Amino acid sequence: MKLLSIIGLLVLIFQVDLADLNYRPIIGVLAQESSQSSVKYGDTFIPADYFQYIEMGGARGVPVFVDREIEYYEHLMNSINGVLFPGGGVSLTTSKMARAARIIYKLAIQANNAGRYFPLWGTCMGFQLLTVLTAGQNLMTNASVWDKALPLNFVNGYKSSRLYGSLPADVYNYLSTLNVTENFHNYGITPETMSLNKNLKNFYNVLSTNVDIYGKIFVSSFEGKQYPFYGVQFHPEKVSFLWNMHYHINHGPEAVRVGEYFANFLVGEARKSTNHFTNQTEEIASMIANYKPRFFKDATFELEYFFNLTQS
């Protein structure tokens, strides 16, 4: 590792002063290509619940568009305090979302190496995307758990992690014993794959696992060993903000408390970044509040933001 990287990581580990925290954090959420059934509303989209989730933790959200020049991502990542890769259904390697994520991932590595704290968070497909970006290949396998909430099976060492090391007693109890993590995925990555792939093994600590409907064990959460990168295969945002009547989402107080914990953790990581927009006009113009979500008034009750590549 280069000397600059070592110095940068030491700064991250030992010099995050509470007095230097950013109490106006802004987190970007990466867009992805729309499905064939929804492309009539816009070329790309972001579910609104990710922005609501960020706001629940005390941050503001901005959309991160795809199919842009590298200068766009460089400027944006010097202005915001973290990026969330959301769930979805596009290619982990060839989609416009994946191409944008590769740029963001590289820039986040560079920023942290230089001592500029910058977290990344991946949810479901975003979790899977982080493994592809780190491994340099798609190592997903069938791991089907659809519309089902599960407790987490914590692995040895989770207590020393950043993500779970400060778990309140009630949240630990809910996470370890109750069906509070919402799963909507057909693929995942196994602990064996994480340990056998050198890039993944050296980069991430596996923190929890779960079992799919066929008895296959898959990784359900991890964090970067040296970088503030986090991934969860489940959806903490759906509990409080998705009211689709076709699903069986646990909206109970214990599940909501768990969702709040993850939102607060993510925003807490973003507060360690001191990035900011160059002026208030640019900051205001970047906010998701400038866009109007589409409300699907059928039994899905979903809010989604749509963007056209030529207009976003």
Protein backbone atom coordinates (compact mmCIF):
# COMPACT_ATOMS: atom_id res chain seq x y z
CA MET A 1 0.00 0.00 0.00
CA LYS A 2 1.30 3.45 -0.86
CA LEU A 3 2.45 5.77 1.94
CA LEU A 4 -0.38 8.18 1.12
CA SER A 5 -2.91 5.40 1.62
CA ILE A 6 -1.44 4.45 5.00
CA ILE A 7 -1.43 8.04 6.21
CA GLY A 8 -4.98 8.57 4.99
CA LEU A 9 -6.26 5.47 6.77
CA LEU A 10 -4.54 6.46 10.01
CA VAL A 11 -6.28 9.82 9.81
CA LEU A 12 -9.62 8.04 9.34
CA ILE A 13 -9.07 5.68 12.25
CA PHE A 14 -7.57 8.01 14.84
CA GLN A 15 -8.58 11.59 14.01
CA VAL A 16 -12.35 11.70 13.55
CA ASP A 17 -13.06 14.47 16.07
CA LEU A 18 -16.62 14.97 17.26
CA ALA A 19 -16.08 18.71 16.95
CA ASP A 20 -15.46 18.23 13.24
CA LEU A 21 -18.69 16.37 12.51
CA ASN A 22 -20.85 17.67 9.69
CA TYR A 23 -24.38 18.25 10.96
CA ARG A 24 -25.79 19.00 7.51
CA PRO A 25 -24.88 15.75 5.69
CA ILE A 26 -26.04 15.07 2.14
CA ILE A 27 -26.13 11.55 0.72
CA GLY A 28 -26.44 10.65 -2.94
CA VAL A 29 -28.62 7.78 -4.17
CA LEU A 30 -27.58 6.20 -7.47
CA ALA A 31 -30.19 5.91 -10.23
CA GLN A 32 -30.70 2.85 -12.41
CA GLU A 33 -32.37 2.08 -15.73
CA SER A 34 -36.15 1.79 -15.70
CA SER A 35 -37.89 -1.50 -16.48
CA GLN A 36 -39.75 -2.05 -19.75
CA SER A 37 -43.05 -1.44 -17.99
CA SER A 38 -42.00 1.87 -16.43
CA VAL A 39 -39.62 3.38 -18.99
CA LYS A 40 -42.55 5.42 -20.34
CA TYR A 41 -42.23 7.54 -17.20
CA GLY A 42 -38.48 8.09 -17.58
CA ASP A 43 -35.25 6.40 -18.66
CA THR A 44 -33.99 5.95 -15.10
CA PHE A 45 -35.51 5.94 -11.63
CA ILE A 46 -34.90 5.88 -7.88
CA PRO A 47 -37.48 4.59 -5.39
CA ALA A 48 -38.50 7.37 -3.03
CA ASP A 49 -38.15 5.22 0.08
CA TYR A 50 -34.35 5.50 -0.07
CA PHE A 51 -34.57 9.26 0.24
CA GLN A 52 -37.14 8.96 3.02
CA TYR A 53 -34.80 6.53 4.78
CA ILE A 54 -31.89 8.99 4.57
CA GLU A 55 -34.08 11.80 5.85
CA MET A 56 -35.21 9.61 8.77
CA GLY A 57 -31.58 9.48 9.90
CA GLY A 58 -31.13 13.24 9.68
CA ALA A 59 -29.60 13.77 6.24
CA ARG A 60 -30.73 15.16 2.92
CA GLY A 61 -30.65 13.31 -0.39
CA VAL A 62 -29.57 14.07 -3.93
CA PRO A 63 -30.06 11.90 -7.01
CA VAL A 64 -26.87 10.60 -8.64
CA PHE A 65 -27.44 10.25 -12.36
CA VAL A 66 -26.00 7.61 -14.67
CA ASP A 67 -24.37 7.96 -18.09
CA ARG A 68 -22.39 11.06 -17.13
CA GLU A 69 -18.79 12.10 -17.71
CA ILE A 70 -16.28 11.38 -14.95
CA GLU A 71 -16.08 15.11 -14.18
CA TYR A 72 -19.71 15.04 -13.03
CA TYR A 73 -18.98 12.30 -10.48
CA GLU A 74 -15.73 13.92 -9.34
CA HIS A 75 -17.47 17.20 -8.65
CA LEU A 76 -20.49 15.62 -6.99
CA MET A 77 -18.41 13.42 -4.70
CA ASN A 78 -16.44 16.46 -3.56
CA SER A 79 -19.77 18.06 -2.65
CA ILE A 80 -21.72 15.30 -0.87
CA ASN A 81 -20.97 13.07 2.10
CA GLY A 82 -21.71 9.54 0.95
CA VAL A 83 -23.42 7.44 -1.72
CA LEU A 84 -26.08 4.75 -1.39
CA PHE A 85 -26.34 2.01 -4.01
CA PRO A 86 -30.01 0.92 -3.86
CA GLY A 87 -31.76 -2.33 -4.61
CA GLY A 88 -33.17 -3.01 -8.06
CA GLY A 89 -32.93 -5.30 -11.03
CA VAL A 90 -30.26 -4.26 -13.55
CA SER A 91 -27.02 -5.93 -14.60
CA LEU A 92 -24.25 -5.80 -12.01
CA THR A 93 -21.63 -5.53 -14.74
CA THR A 94 -22.98 -3.98 -17.94
CA SER A 95 -25.77 -1.60 -16.89
CA LYS A 96 -25.41 2.16 -16.88
CA MET A 97 -25.82 1.95 -13.12
CA ALA A 98 -22.91 -0.48 -12.83
CA ARG A 99 -20.68 1.75 -14.97
CA ALA A 100 -21.48 4.77 -12.80
CA ALA A 101 -20.93 2.71 -9.64
CA ARG A 102 -17.44 1.70 -10.82
CA ILE A 103 -16.48 5.35 -11.12
CA ILE A 104 -17.97 6.20 -7.73
CA TYR A 105 -16.27 3.22 -6.06
CA LYS A 106 -12.87 4.20 -7.44
CA LEU A 107 -13.31 7.82 -6.41
CA ALA A 108 -14.41 6.76 -2.91
CA ILE A 109 -11.29 4.62 -2.55
CA GLN A 110 -9.14 7.57 -3.62
CA ALA A 111 -10.88 9.96 -1.25
CA ASN A 112 -10.48 7.69 1.77
CA ASN A 113 -6.85 6.96 0.90
CA ALA A 114 -6.23 10.70 0.93
CA GLY A 115 -7.81 11.01 4.38
CA ARG A 116 -11.17 12.39 3.21
CA TYR A 117 -13.83 10.24 4.87
CA PHE A 118 -16.41 9.07 2.34
CA PRO A 119 -18.82 6.19 3.07
CA LEU A 120 -20.53 3.90 0.58
CA TRP A 121 -23.63 1.87 1.42
CA GLY A 122 -25.16 -0.95 -0.63
CA THR A 123 -28.67 -2.32 -0.10
CA CYS A 124 -29.73 -5.63 -1.72
CA MET A 125 -28.61 -5.23 -5.34
CA GLY A 126 -26.37 -2.44 -4.11
CA PHE A 127 -24.83 -4.91 -1.66
CA GLN A 128 -24.23 -7.31 -4.54
CA LEU A 129 -22.80 -4.49 -6.63
CA LEU A 130 -20.20 -3.74 -3.96
CA THR A 131 -18.96 -7.34 -4.15
CA VAL A 132 -18.65 -7.12 -7.94
CA LEU A 133 -16.75 -3.84 -7.72
CA THR A 134 -14.33 -5.27 -5.17
CA ALA A 135 -13.89 -8.72 -6.71
CA GLY A 136 -13.79 -7.49 -10.30
CA GLN A 137 -16.31 -10.15 -11.28
CA ASN A 138 -19.86 -11.29 -10.63
CA LEU A 139 -19.76 -14.05 -8.00
CA MET A 140 -23.47 -14.19 -7.26
CA THR A 141 -25.22 -17.52 -6.80
CA ASN A 142 -28.87 -18.48 -6.40
CA ALA A 143 -30.03 -17.36 -2.95
CA SER A 144 -33.76 -16.91 -3.03
CA VAL A 145 -35.66 -15.21 -0.21
CA TRP A 146 -38.53 -13.14 -1.58
CA ASP A 147 -40.97 -11.13 0.51
CA LYS A 148 -39.80 -12.63 3.77
CA ALA A 149 -38.44 -11.06 6.94
CA LEU A 150 -35.68 -12.83 8.89
CA PRO A 151 -33.56 -12.40 12.02
CA LEU A 152 -29.80 -12.13 11.47
CA ASN A 153 -27.35 -14.88 12.28
CA PHE A 154 -24.40 -12.88 13.62
CA VAL A 155 -20.94 -14.32 13.03
CA ASN A 156 -17.96 -14.29 15.38
CA GLY A 157 -16.39 -10.88 15.51
CA TYR A 158 -19.51 -8.83 14.85
CA LYS A 159 -19.18 -7.12 18.25
CA SER A 160 -15.92 -5.49 17.16
CA SER A 161 -17.44 -4.12 13.94
CA ARG A 162 -18.37 -0.52 13.33
CA LEU A 163 -21.82 -1.47 12.08
CA TYR A 164 -22.85 -3.62 15.03
CA GLY A 165 -20.31 -2.84 17.75
CA SER A 166 -22.54 -0.27 19.44
CA LEU A 167 -25.87 -2.06 19.02
CA PRO A 168 -28.32 -1.08 21.76
CA ALA A 169 -29.56 -4.12 23.69
CA ASP A 170 -33.09 -3.91 22.31
CA VAL A 171 -31.93 -3.64 18.69
CA TYR A 172 -29.60 -6.61 19.13
CA ASN A 173 -32.46 -8.63 20.59
CA TYR A 174 -34.78 -7.73 17.71
CA LEU A 175 -32.15 -8.40 15.04
CA SER A 176 -31.07 -11.73 16.47
CA THR A 177 -34.47 -13.20 17.38
CA LEU A 178 -37.26 -11.56 15.37
CA ASN A 179 -38.26 -11.39 11.71
CA VAL A 180 -37.24 -7.78 11.17
CA THR A 181 -34.96 -7.72 8.09
CA GLU A 182 -36.94 -7.66 4.84
CA ASN A 183 -35.52 -9.83 2.04
CA PHE A 184 -36.42 -9.43 -1.64
CA HIS A 185 -33.72 -11.19 -3.65
CA ASN A 186 -33.10 -14.21 -5.84
CA TYR A 187 -29.31 -14.04 -5.70
CA GLY A 188 -26.66 -13.60 -3.06
CA ILE A 189 -23.09 -14.43 -2.17
CA THR A 190 -22.00 -17.28 0.08
CA PRO A 191 -19.54 -17.02 2.99
CA GLU A 192 -17.34 -19.57 1.18
CA THR A 193 -17.11 -17.32 -1.87
CA MET A 194 -16.27 -14.34 0.32
CA SER A 195 -13.44 -16.30 1.97
CA LEU A 196 -12.08 -17.93 -1.19
CA ASN A 197 -11.92 -14.78 -3.30
CA LYS A 198 -8.76 -12.97 -2.25
CA ASN A 199 -10.06 -9.49 -3.05
CA LEU A 200 -13.26 -9.96 -1.04
CA LYS A 201 -11.53 -11.69 1.87
CA ASN A 202 -8.97 -8.91 2.21
CA PHE A 203 -11.49 -6.11 1.82
CA TYR A 204 -14.59 -7.07 3.85
CA ASN A 205 -15.49 -8.58 7.18
CA VAL A 206 -18.62 -10.73 7.00
CA LEU A 207 -20.87 -9.77 9.93
CA SER A 208 -24.01 -11.87 9.50
CA THR A 209 -25.53 -14.64 7.41
CA ASN A 210 -28.96 -16.04 6.62
CA VAL A 211 -30.42 -19.13 4.98
CA ASP A 212 -32.46 -19.06 1.77
CA ILE A 213 -35.62 -21.07 1.08
CA TYR A 214 -33.53 -24.02 -0.18
CA GLY A 215 -31.21 -24.13 2.83
CA LYS A 216 -28.28 -22.26 1.26
CA ILE A 217 -26.34 -19.94 3.56
CA PHE A 218 -25.73 -16.44 2.18
CA VAL A 219 -24.03 -13.34 3.53
CA SER A 220 -26.52 -10.77 4.81
CA SER A 221 -24.20 -7.98 5.94
CA PHE A 222 -20.57 -6.94 5.79
CA GLU A 223 -18.33 -3.93 6.20
CA GLY A 224 -15.00 -2.82 4.79
CA LYS A 225 -11.99 -3.63 6.93
CA GLN A 226 -10.21 -0.37 6.20
CA TYR A 227 -12.83 1.64 4.35
CA PRO A 228 -16.26 2.91 5.47
CA PHE A 229 -18.08 0.71 2.97
CA TYR A 230 -21.14 -1.24 4.15
CA GLY A 231 -23.51 -3.72 2.57
CA VAL A 232 -26.78 -5.36 3.64
CA GLN A 233 -28.61 -7.93 1.53
CA PHE A 234 -31.89 -6.95 3.20
CA HIS A 235 -33.96 -3.74 2.96
CA PRO A 236 -34.04 -1.63 6.14
CA GLU A 237 -35.84 1.19 4.30
CA LYS A 238 -38.95 -0.81 3.35
CA VAL A 239 -40.21 -1.28 6.91
CA SER A 240 -41.13 2.37 7.43
CA PHE A 241 -41.75 3.53 3.89
CA LEU A 242 -43.05 0.80 1.57
CA TRP A 243 -46.77 0.00 1.93
CA ASN A 244 -47.22 -2.34 -1.02
CA MET A 245 -50.24 -4.50 -0.15
CA HIS A 246 -48.94 -7.36 -2.30
CA TYR A 247 -46.05 -7.87 0.15
CA HIS A 248 -45.94 -9.03 3.76
CA ILE A 249 -43.63 -6.40 5.19
CA ASN A 250 -43.25 -6.27 8.95
CA HIS A 251 -44.28 -2.73 9.91
CA GLY A 252 -44.20 -3.47 13.63
CA PRO A 253 -42.41 -1.26 16.17
CA GLU A 254 -39.46 -3.64 16.55
CA ALA A 255 -38.80 -3.70 12.80
CA VAL A 256 -39.17 0.08 12.62
CA ARG A 257 -36.65 0.46 15.45
CA VAL A 258 -34.20 -1.71 13.53
CA GLY A 259 -34.68 0.35 10.38
CA GLU A 260 -34.07 3.53 12.36
CA TYR A 261 -30.83 2.06 13.70
CA PHE A 262 -29.43 1.45 10.22
CA ALA A 263 -30.55 4.88 8.98
CA ASN A 264 -28.93 6.55 11.98
CA PHE A 265 -25.72 4.58 11.45
CA LEU A 266 -25.46 5.50 7.78
CA VAL A 267 -26.09 9.17 8.43
CA GLY A 268 -23.63 9.05 11.32
CA GLU A 269 -20.97 7.86 8.89
CA ALA A 270 -21.88 10.64 6.44
CA ARG A 271 -21.43 13.22 9.22
CA LYS A 272 -17.73 12.30 9.29
CA SER A 273 -17.37 13.73 5.77
CA THR A 274 -16.71 17.46 5.57
CA ASN A 275 -17.46 17.80 1.86
CA HIS A 276 -19.85 20.57 0.87
CA PHE A 277 -21.19 22.28 -2.23
CA THR A 278 -19.33 25.36 -3.41
CA ASN A 279 -22.38 27.56 -2.89
CA GLN A 280 -25.94 27.35 -1.61
CA THR A 281 -27.48 27.84 -5.05
CA GLU A 282 -25.78 24.70 -6.36
CA GLU A 283 -26.68 22.79 -3.20
CA ILE A 284 -30.36 23.69 -3.46
CA ALA A 285 -30.47 22.85 -7.17
CA SER A 286 -29.09 19.36 -6.48
CA MET A 287 -31.69 18.30 -3.90
CA ILE A 288 -34.20 15.56 -4.64
CA ALA A 289 -36.87 18.02 -3.45
CA ASN A 290 -36.61 19.65 -6.89
CA TYR A 291 -38.22 16.57 -8.44
CA LYS A 292 -41.76 15.28 -8.14
CA PRO A 293 -42.17 11.55 -7.44
CA ARG A 294 -44.78 9.49 -9.24
CA PHE A 295 -47.33 7.90 -6.91
CA PHE A 296 -48.66 4.55 -8.06
CA LYS A 297 -52.20 4.61 -6.71
CA ASP A 298 -52.87 0.89 -7.06
CA ALA A 299 -52.23 -1.55 -4.24
CA THR A 300 -48.46 -0.98 -4.54
CA PHE A 301 -48.70 2.52 -3.03
CA GLU A 302 -45.17 3.17 -4.27
CA LEU A 303 -43.43 6.49 -4.80
CA GLU A 304 -40.71 6.60 -7.44
CA TYR A 305 -38.64 9.37 -8.99
CA PHE A 306 -38.11 9.12 -12.74
CA PHE A 307 -35.46 10.93 -14.77
CA ASN A 308 -34.76 11.19 -18.50
CA LEU A 309 -31.08 10.89 -19.38
CA THR A 310 -31.29 13.86 -21.71
CA GLN A 311 -32.96 16.08 -19.10
CA SER A 312 -31.56 15.03 -15.72
